[in-house]
PDB file of N, CA and C in Angstrom:
ATOM      1  N   MET A   1      12.312   0.861 -16.521  1.00  0.00           N
ATOM      2  CA  MET A   1      11.485   2.041 -16.590  1.00  0.00           C
ATOM      3  C   MET A   1       9.852   1.015 -17.211  1.00  0.00           C
ATOM      4  N   ILE A   2       9.214   1.758 -16.563  1.00  0.00           N
ATOM      5  CA  ILE A   2       7.465   0.870 -16.927  1.00  0.00           C
ATOM      6  C   ILE A   2       6.888   2.194 -17.338  1.00  0.00           C
ATOM      7  N   GLN A   3       6.294   1.340 -18.230  1.00  0.00           N
ATOM      8  CA  GLN A   3       5.141   2.138 -19.622  1.00  0.00           C
ATOM      9  C   GLN A   3       3.800   1.647 -19.130  1.00  0.00           C
ATOM     10  N   MET A   4       2.906   2.690 -19.111  1.00  0.00           N
ATOM     11  CA  MET A   4       1.332   2.500 -18.950  1.00  0.00           C
ATOM     12  C   MET A   4       0.316   3.350 -19.896  1.00  0.00           C
ATOM     13  N   GLN A   5      -0.638   2.694 -20.158  1.00  0.00           N
ATOM     14  CA  GLN A   5      -1.080   3.872 -20.801  1.00  0.00           C
ATOM     15  C   GLN A   5      -2.646   4.432 -20.098  1.00  0.00           C
ATOM     16  N   ASN A   6      -2.471   5.314 -20.153  1.00  0.00           N
ATOM     17  CA  ASN A   6      -3.696   5.847 -19.491  1.00  0.00           C
ATOM     18  C   ASN A   6      -4.839   6.029 -20.263  1.00  0.00           C
ATOM     19  N   LEU A   7      -6.066   5.416 -20.453  1.00  0.00           N
ATOM     20  CA  LEU A   7      -7.353   5.255 -21.342  1.00  0.00           C
ATOM     21  C   LEU A   7      -8.644   5.828 -20.821  1.00  0.00           C
ATOM     22  N   PRO A   8      -9.233   6.642 -21.174  1.00  0.00           N
ATOM     23  CA  PRO A   8     -10.591   7.143 -20.565  1.00  0.00           C
ATOM     24  C   PRO A   8     -11.773   6.173 -19.888  1.00  0.00           C
ATOM     25  N   GLY A   9     -11.821   5.801 -18.694  1.00  0.00           N
ATOM     26  CA  GLY A   9     -12.563   4.427 -18.745  1.00  0.00           C
ATOM     27  C   GLY A   9     -12.087   3.436 -18.269  1.00  0.00           C
ATOM     28  N   VAL A  10     -10.867   3.636 -18.211  1.00  0.00           N
ATOM     29  CA  VAL A  10     -10.158   2.314 -17.461  1.00  0.00           C
ATOM     30  C   VAL A  10      -9.137   2.401 -16.646  1.00  0.00           C
ATOM     31  N   THR A  11      -9.250   1.689 -15.668  1.00  0.00           N
ATOM     32  CA  THR A  11      -8.297   1.915 -13.926  1.00  0.00           C
ATOM     33  C   THR A  11      -7.475   0.969 -14.429  1.00  0.00           C
ATOM     34  N   ASN A  12      -6.183   1.635 -14.190  1.00  0.00           N
ATOM     35  CA  ASN A  12      -5.024   0.805 -14.267  1.00  0.00           C
ATOM     36  C   ASN A  12      -4.455   0.391 -12.831  1.00  0.00           C
ATOM     37  N   HIS A  13      -3.628  -0.976 -13.034  1.00  0.00           N
ATOM     38  CA  HIS A  13      -3.042  -0.999 -11.749  1.00  0.00           C
ATOM     39  C   HIS A  13      -1.815  -1.509 -11.835  1.00  0.00           C
ATOM     40  N   LEU A  14      -0.693  -0.957 -11.199  1.00  0.00           N
ATOM     41  CA  LEU A  14       0.674  -1.102 -11.379  1.00  0.00           C
ATOM     42  C   LEU A  14       1.092  -2.141 -10.011  1.00  0.00           C
ATOM     43  N   GLU A  15       1.812  -2.853  -9.672  1.00  0.00           N
ATOM     44  CA  GLU A  15       2.698  -3.454  -8.585  1.00  0.00           C
ATOM     45  C   GLU A  15       4.005  -3.724  -8.929  1.00  0.00           C
ATOM     46  N   PHE A  16       4.989  -3.268  -7.942  1.00  0.00           N
ATOM     47  CA  PHE A  16       6.303  -3.763  -8.390  1.00  0.00           C
ATOM     48  C   PHE A  16       6.846  -3.352  -7.023  1.00  0.00           C
ATOM     49  N   THR A  17       8.223  -3.900  -7.089  1.00  0.00           N
ATOM     50  CA  THR A  17       8.889  -4.272  -5.281  1.00  0.00           C
ATOM     51  C   THR A  17      10.146  -3.565  -5.575  1.00  0.00           C
ATOM     52  N   ALA A  18      10.177  -2.258  -4.676  1.00  0.00           N
ATOM     53  CA  ALA A  18      11.223  -1.512  -5.056  1.00  0.00           C
ATOM     54  C   ALA A  18      12.436  -2.012  -4.120  1.00  0.00           C
ATOM     55  N   ASN A  19      13.333  -1.811  -4.519  1.00  0.00           N
ATOM     56  CA  ASN A  19      14.411  -2.512  -3.574  1.00  0.00           C
ATOM     57  C   ASN A  19      15.203  -1.010  -2.776  1.00  0.00           C
ATOM     58  N   LYS A  20      14.918   0.142  -2.467  1.00  0.00           N
ATOM     59  CA  LYS A  20      15.604   1.065  -1.890  1.00  0.00           C
ATOM     60  C   LYS A  20      14.132   2.085  -1.711  1.00  0.00           C
ATOM     61  N   LEU A  21      14.233   2.683  -0.581  1.00  0.00           N
ATOM     62  CA  LEU A  21      13.414   3.451   0.353  1.00  0.00           C
ATOM     63  C   LEU A  21      14.191   4.860  -0.359  1.00  0.00           C
ATOM     64  N   GLY A  22      12.996   5.834  -0.604  1.00  0.00           N
ATOM     65  CA  GLY A  22      13.350   7.344  -0.993  1.00  0.00           C
ATOM     66  C   GLY A  22      11.961   7.353  -1.690  1.00  0.00           C
ATOM     67  N   GLU A  23      12.511   8.821  -3.205  1.00  0.00           N
ATOM     68  CA  GLU A  23      11.245   9.782  -3.830  1.00  0.00           C
ATOM     69  C   GLU A  23      11.977   9.272  -4.992  1.00  0.00           C
ATOM     70  N   TYR A  24      11.101   8.893  -6.340  1.00  0.00           N
ATOM     71  CA  TYR A  24      11.249   9.045  -7.546  1.00  0.00           C
ATOM     72  C   TYR A  24      10.441   9.406  -8.852  1.00  0.00           C
ATOM     73  N   PRO A  25      10.748  10.460  -9.078  1.00  0.00           N
ATOM     74  CA  PRO A  25      10.325  11.473 -10.169  1.00  0.00           C
ATOM     75  C   PRO A  25       9.708  10.413 -11.071  1.00  0.00           C
ATOM     76  N   GLY A  26       8.715  10.791 -11.956  1.00  0.00           N
ATOM     77  CA  GLY A  26       8.131   9.882 -12.903  1.00  0.00           C
ATOM     78  C   GLY A  26       7.587  10.909 -13.943  1.00  0.00           C
ATOM     79  N   ARG A  27       7.448  10.789 -14.943  1.00  0.00           N
ATOM     80  CA  ARG A  27       6.702  11.716 -16.297  1.00  0.00           C
ATOM     81  C   ARG A  27       5.709  11.301 -16.879  1.00  0.00           C
ATOM     82  N   CYS A  28       5.267  11.807 -18.000  1.00  0.00           N
ATOM     83  CA  CYS A  28       4.393  11.679 -18.943  1.00  0.00           C
ATOM     84  C   CYS A  28       5.734  11.321 -19.772  1.00  0.00           C
ATOM     85  N   ASN A  29       5.619  10.271 -20.794  1.00  0.00           N
ATOM     86  CA  ASN A  29       6.484   9.634 -21.294  1.00  0.00           C
ATOM     87  C   ASN A  29       6.275  10.032 -23.291  1.00  0.00           C
ATOM     88  N   ILE A  30       4.847  10.254 -23.608  1.00  0.00           N
ATOM     89  CA  ILE A  30       4.256  10.155 -24.644  1.00  0.00           C
ATOM     90  C   ILE A  30       3.751  11.587 -24.788  1.00  0.00           C
ATOM     91  N   LEU A  31       3.865  12.542 -25.740  1.00  0.00           N
ATOM     92  CA  LEU A  31       3.488  13.791 -26.206  1.00  0.00           C
ATOM     93  C   LEU A  31       1.893  13.668 -26.505  1.00  0.00           C
ATOM     94  N   CYS A  32       1.249  13.678 -25.454  1.00  0.00           N
ATOM     95  CA  CYS A  32      -0.351  13.991 -25.453  1.00  0.00           C
ATOM     96  C   CYS A  32      -0.826  14.793 -25.589  1.00  0.00           C
ATOM     97  N   GLY A  33      -0.602  16.340 -25.394  1.00  0.00           N
ATOM     98  CA  GLY A  33      -1.762  17.187 -25.597  1.00  0.00           C
ATOM     99  C   GLY A  33      -0.424  18.126 -25.012  1.00  0.00           C
ATOM    100  N   ARG A  34      -1.898  19.575 -24.540  1.00  0.00           N
ATOM    101  CA  ARG A  34      -1.417  20.600 -24.211  1.00  0.00           C
ATOM    102  C   ARG A  34      -0.612  20.494 -23.132  1.00  0.00           C
ATOM    103  N   ALA A  35      -1.115  19.699 -22.166  1.00  0.00           N
ATOM    104  CA  ALA A  35      -0.512  19.999 -20.616  1.00  0.00           C
ATOM    105  C   ALA A  35       0.426  18.845 -20.443  1.00  0.00           C
ATOM    106  N   HIS A  36       1.258  18.299 -21.319  1.00  0.00           N
ATOM    107  CA  HIS A  36       2.196  17.240 -21.127  1.00  0.00           C
ATOM    108  C   HIS A  36       3.520  17.883 -20.326  1.00  0.00           C
ATOM    109  N   SER A  37       4.048  18.543 -20.514  1.00  0.00           N
ATOM    110  CA  SER A  37       4.864  19.172 -19.574  1.00  0.00           C
ATOM    111  C   SER A  37       4.598  19.026 -18.632  1.00  0.00           C
ATOM    112  N   GLN A  38       3.274  19.219 -17.943  1.00  0.00           N
ATOM    113  CA  GLN A  38       2.771  19.494 -16.566  1.00  0.00           C
ATOM    114  C   GLN A  38       2.354  17.562 -15.821  1.00  0.00           C
ATOM    115  N   MET A  39       2.846  17.007 -17.220  1.00  0.00           N
ATOM    116  CA  MET A  39       2.098  15.680 -16.157  1.00  0.00           C
ATOM    117  C   MET A  39       3.509  14.948 -15.165  1.00  0.00           C
ATOM    118  N   LEU A  40       3.922  15.420 -14.276  1.00  0.00           N
ATOM    119  CA  LEU A  40       5.008  14.761 -13.630  1.00  0.00           C
ATOM    120  C   LEU A  40       3.938  14.543 -12.143  1.00  0.00           C
ATOM    121  N   PHE A  41       4.877  13.406 -11.887  1.00  0.00           N
ATOM    122  CA  PHE A  41       4.668  12.727 -10.603  1.00  0.00           C
ATOM    123  C   PHE A  41       5.531  12.265  -9.909  1.00  0.00           C
ATOM    124  N   THR A  42       5.691  12.008  -8.478  1.00  0.00           N
ATOM    125  CA  THR A  42       6.881  11.653  -7.498  1.00  0.00           C
ATOM    126  C   THR A  42       6.374  10.191  -6.971  1.00  0.00           C
ATOM    127  N   VAL A  43       6.963   9.281  -6.626  1.00  0.00           N
ATOM    128  CA  VAL A  43       6.622   7.854  -6.552  1.00  0.00           C
ATOM    129  C   VAL A  43       7.298   7.659  -5.031  1.00  0.00           C
ATOM    130  N   LYS A  44       6.776   7.400  -4.000  1.00  0.00           N
ATOM    131  CA  LYS A  44       7.879   7.364  -2.450  1.00  0.00           C
ATOM    132  C   LYS A  44       7.792   6.354  -2.021  1.00  0.00           C
ATOM    133  N   VAL A  45       8.621   5.766  -1.947  1.00  0.00           N
ATOM    134  CA  VAL A  45       8.734   4.194  -1.255  1.00  0.00           C
ATOM    135  C   VAL A  45       9.170   4.705   0.381  1.00  0.00           C
ATOM    136  N   VAL A  46       8.583   4.010   1.034  1.00  0.00           N
ATOM    137  CA  VAL A  46       8.670   4.701   2.588  1.00  0.00           C
ATOM    138  C   VAL A  46       8.480   2.608   3.461  1.00  0.00           C
ATOM    139  N   THR A  47       8.939   2.933   4.629  1.00  0.00           N
ATOM    140  CA  THR A  47       9.124   1.175   5.257  1.00  0.00           C
ATOM    141  C   THR A  47       6.961   0.683   5.686  1.00  0.00           C
ATOM    142  N   PRO A  48       6.976  -0.148   5.834  1.00  0.00           N
ATOM    143  CA  PRO A  48       5.550  -0.841   5.862  1.00  0.00           C
ATOM    144  C   PRO A  48       5.228  -0.002   7.128  1.00  0.00           C
ATOM    145  N   ALA A  49       5.655   0.557   7.759  1.00  0.00           N
ATOM    146  CA  ALA A  49       5.529   1.284   9.186  1.00  0.00           C
ATOM    147  C   ALA A  49       4.759   2.503   9.007  1.00  0.00           C
ATOM    148  N   GLU A  50       5.730   3.206   8.056  1.00  0.00           N
ATOM    149  CA  GLU A  50       5.236   4.549   7.664  1.00  0.00           C
ATOM    150  C   GLU A  50       4.069   4.547   6.274  1.00  0.00           C
ATOM    151  N   TYR A  51       3.979   3.266   5.783  1.00  0.00           N
ATOM    152  CA  TYR A  51       3.066   3.143   4.846  1.00  0.00           C
ATOM    153  C   TYR A  51       1.789   3.062   5.962  1.00  0.00           C
ATOM    154  N   LYS A  52       1.570   2.262   6.971  1.00  0.00           N
ATOM    155  CA  LYS A  52       0.494   1.950   7.624  1.00  0.00           C
ATOM    156  C   LYS A  52      -0.037   3.209   8.476  1.00  0.00           C
ATOM    157  N   LEU A  53       0.490   3.852   8.913  1.00  0.00           N
ATOM    158  CA  LEU A  53       0.734   5.217   9.568  1.00  0.00           C
ATOM    159  C   LEU A  53       0.011   6.136   8.349  1.00  0.00           C
ATOM    160  N   TYR A  54       0.690   6.340   7.248  1.00  0.00           N
ATOM    161  CA  TYR A  54      -0.424   6.761   5.924  1.00  0.00           C
ATOM    162  C   TYR A  54      -1.704   6.522   5.777  1.00  0.00           C
ATOM    163  N   LEU A  55      -1.698   5.666   6.053  1.00  0.00           N
ATOM    164  CA  LEU A  55      -3.043   5.123   5.498  1.00  0.00           C
ATOM    165  C   LEU A  55      -4.128   5.245   6.827  1.00  0.00           C
ATOM    166  N   GLU A  56      -3.384   5.467   8.216  1.00  0.00           N
ATOM    167  CA  GLU A  56      -4.357   5.730   9.049  1.00  0.00           C
ATOM    168  C   GLU A  56      -4.479   7.146   8.988  1.00  0.00           C
ATOM    169  N   THR A  57      -4.184   8.110   8.642  1.00  0.00           N
ATOM    170  CA  THR A  57      -4.210   9.584   8.089  1.00  0.00           C
ATOM    171  C   THR A  57      -5.070   9.738   7.227  1.00  0.00           C
ATOM    172  N   LEU A  58      -5.277   9.137   6.538  1.00  0.00           N
ATOM    173  CA  LEU A  58      -6.444   9.161   5.293  1.00  0.00           C
ATOM    174  C   LEU A  58      -7.905   8.301   5.768  1.00  0.00           C
ATOM    175  N   LYS A  59      -7.578   7.337   6.613  1.00  0.00           N
ATOM    176  CA  LYS A  59      -9.023   6.866   7.464  1.00  0.00           C
ATOM    177  C   LYS A  59      -9.141   8.129   8.486  1.00  0.00           C
ATOM    178  N   GLY A  60      -8.509   8.590   9.504  1.00  0.00           N
ATOM    179  CA  GLY A  60      -8.908  10.123  10.005  1.00  0.00           C
ATOM    180  C   GLY A  60      -9.396  11.147   9.301  1.00  0.00           C
ATOM    181  N   GLY A  61      -9.089  11.218   7.996  1.00  0.00           N
ATOM    182  CA  GLY A  61      -9.828  11.970   7.008  1.00  0.00           C
ATOM    183  C   GLY A  61     -11.120  12.372   6.247  1.00  0.00           C
ATOM    184  N   GLN A  62     -11.891  11.300   6.557  1.00  0.00           N
ATOM    185  CA  GLN A  62     -12.996  10.313   6.863  1.00  0.00           C
ATOM    186  C   GLN A  62     -14.213  10.915   7.083  1.00  0.00           C
ATOM    187  N   ALA A  63     -15.348  11.756   7.240  1.00  0.00           N
ATOM    188  CA  ALA A  63     -15.996  12.141   8.223  1.00  0.00           C
ATOM    189  C   ALA A  63     -17.710  11.703   7.876  1.00  0.00           C
TER     190      ALA A  63
END
């Protein structure tokens, strides 16, 4: 399990090495306010080739 605080004006960085491809759910684990139950996210672990393709699609969206 990984925990980190989100504070206004502070940019967080997180790096880890995944052992397996797939999608992993995450959620806010501190009762932080009215939208707490909606603070969900998914981490998607892909191959380096899939990630490179994803980055290329982001660059293609820039005008």
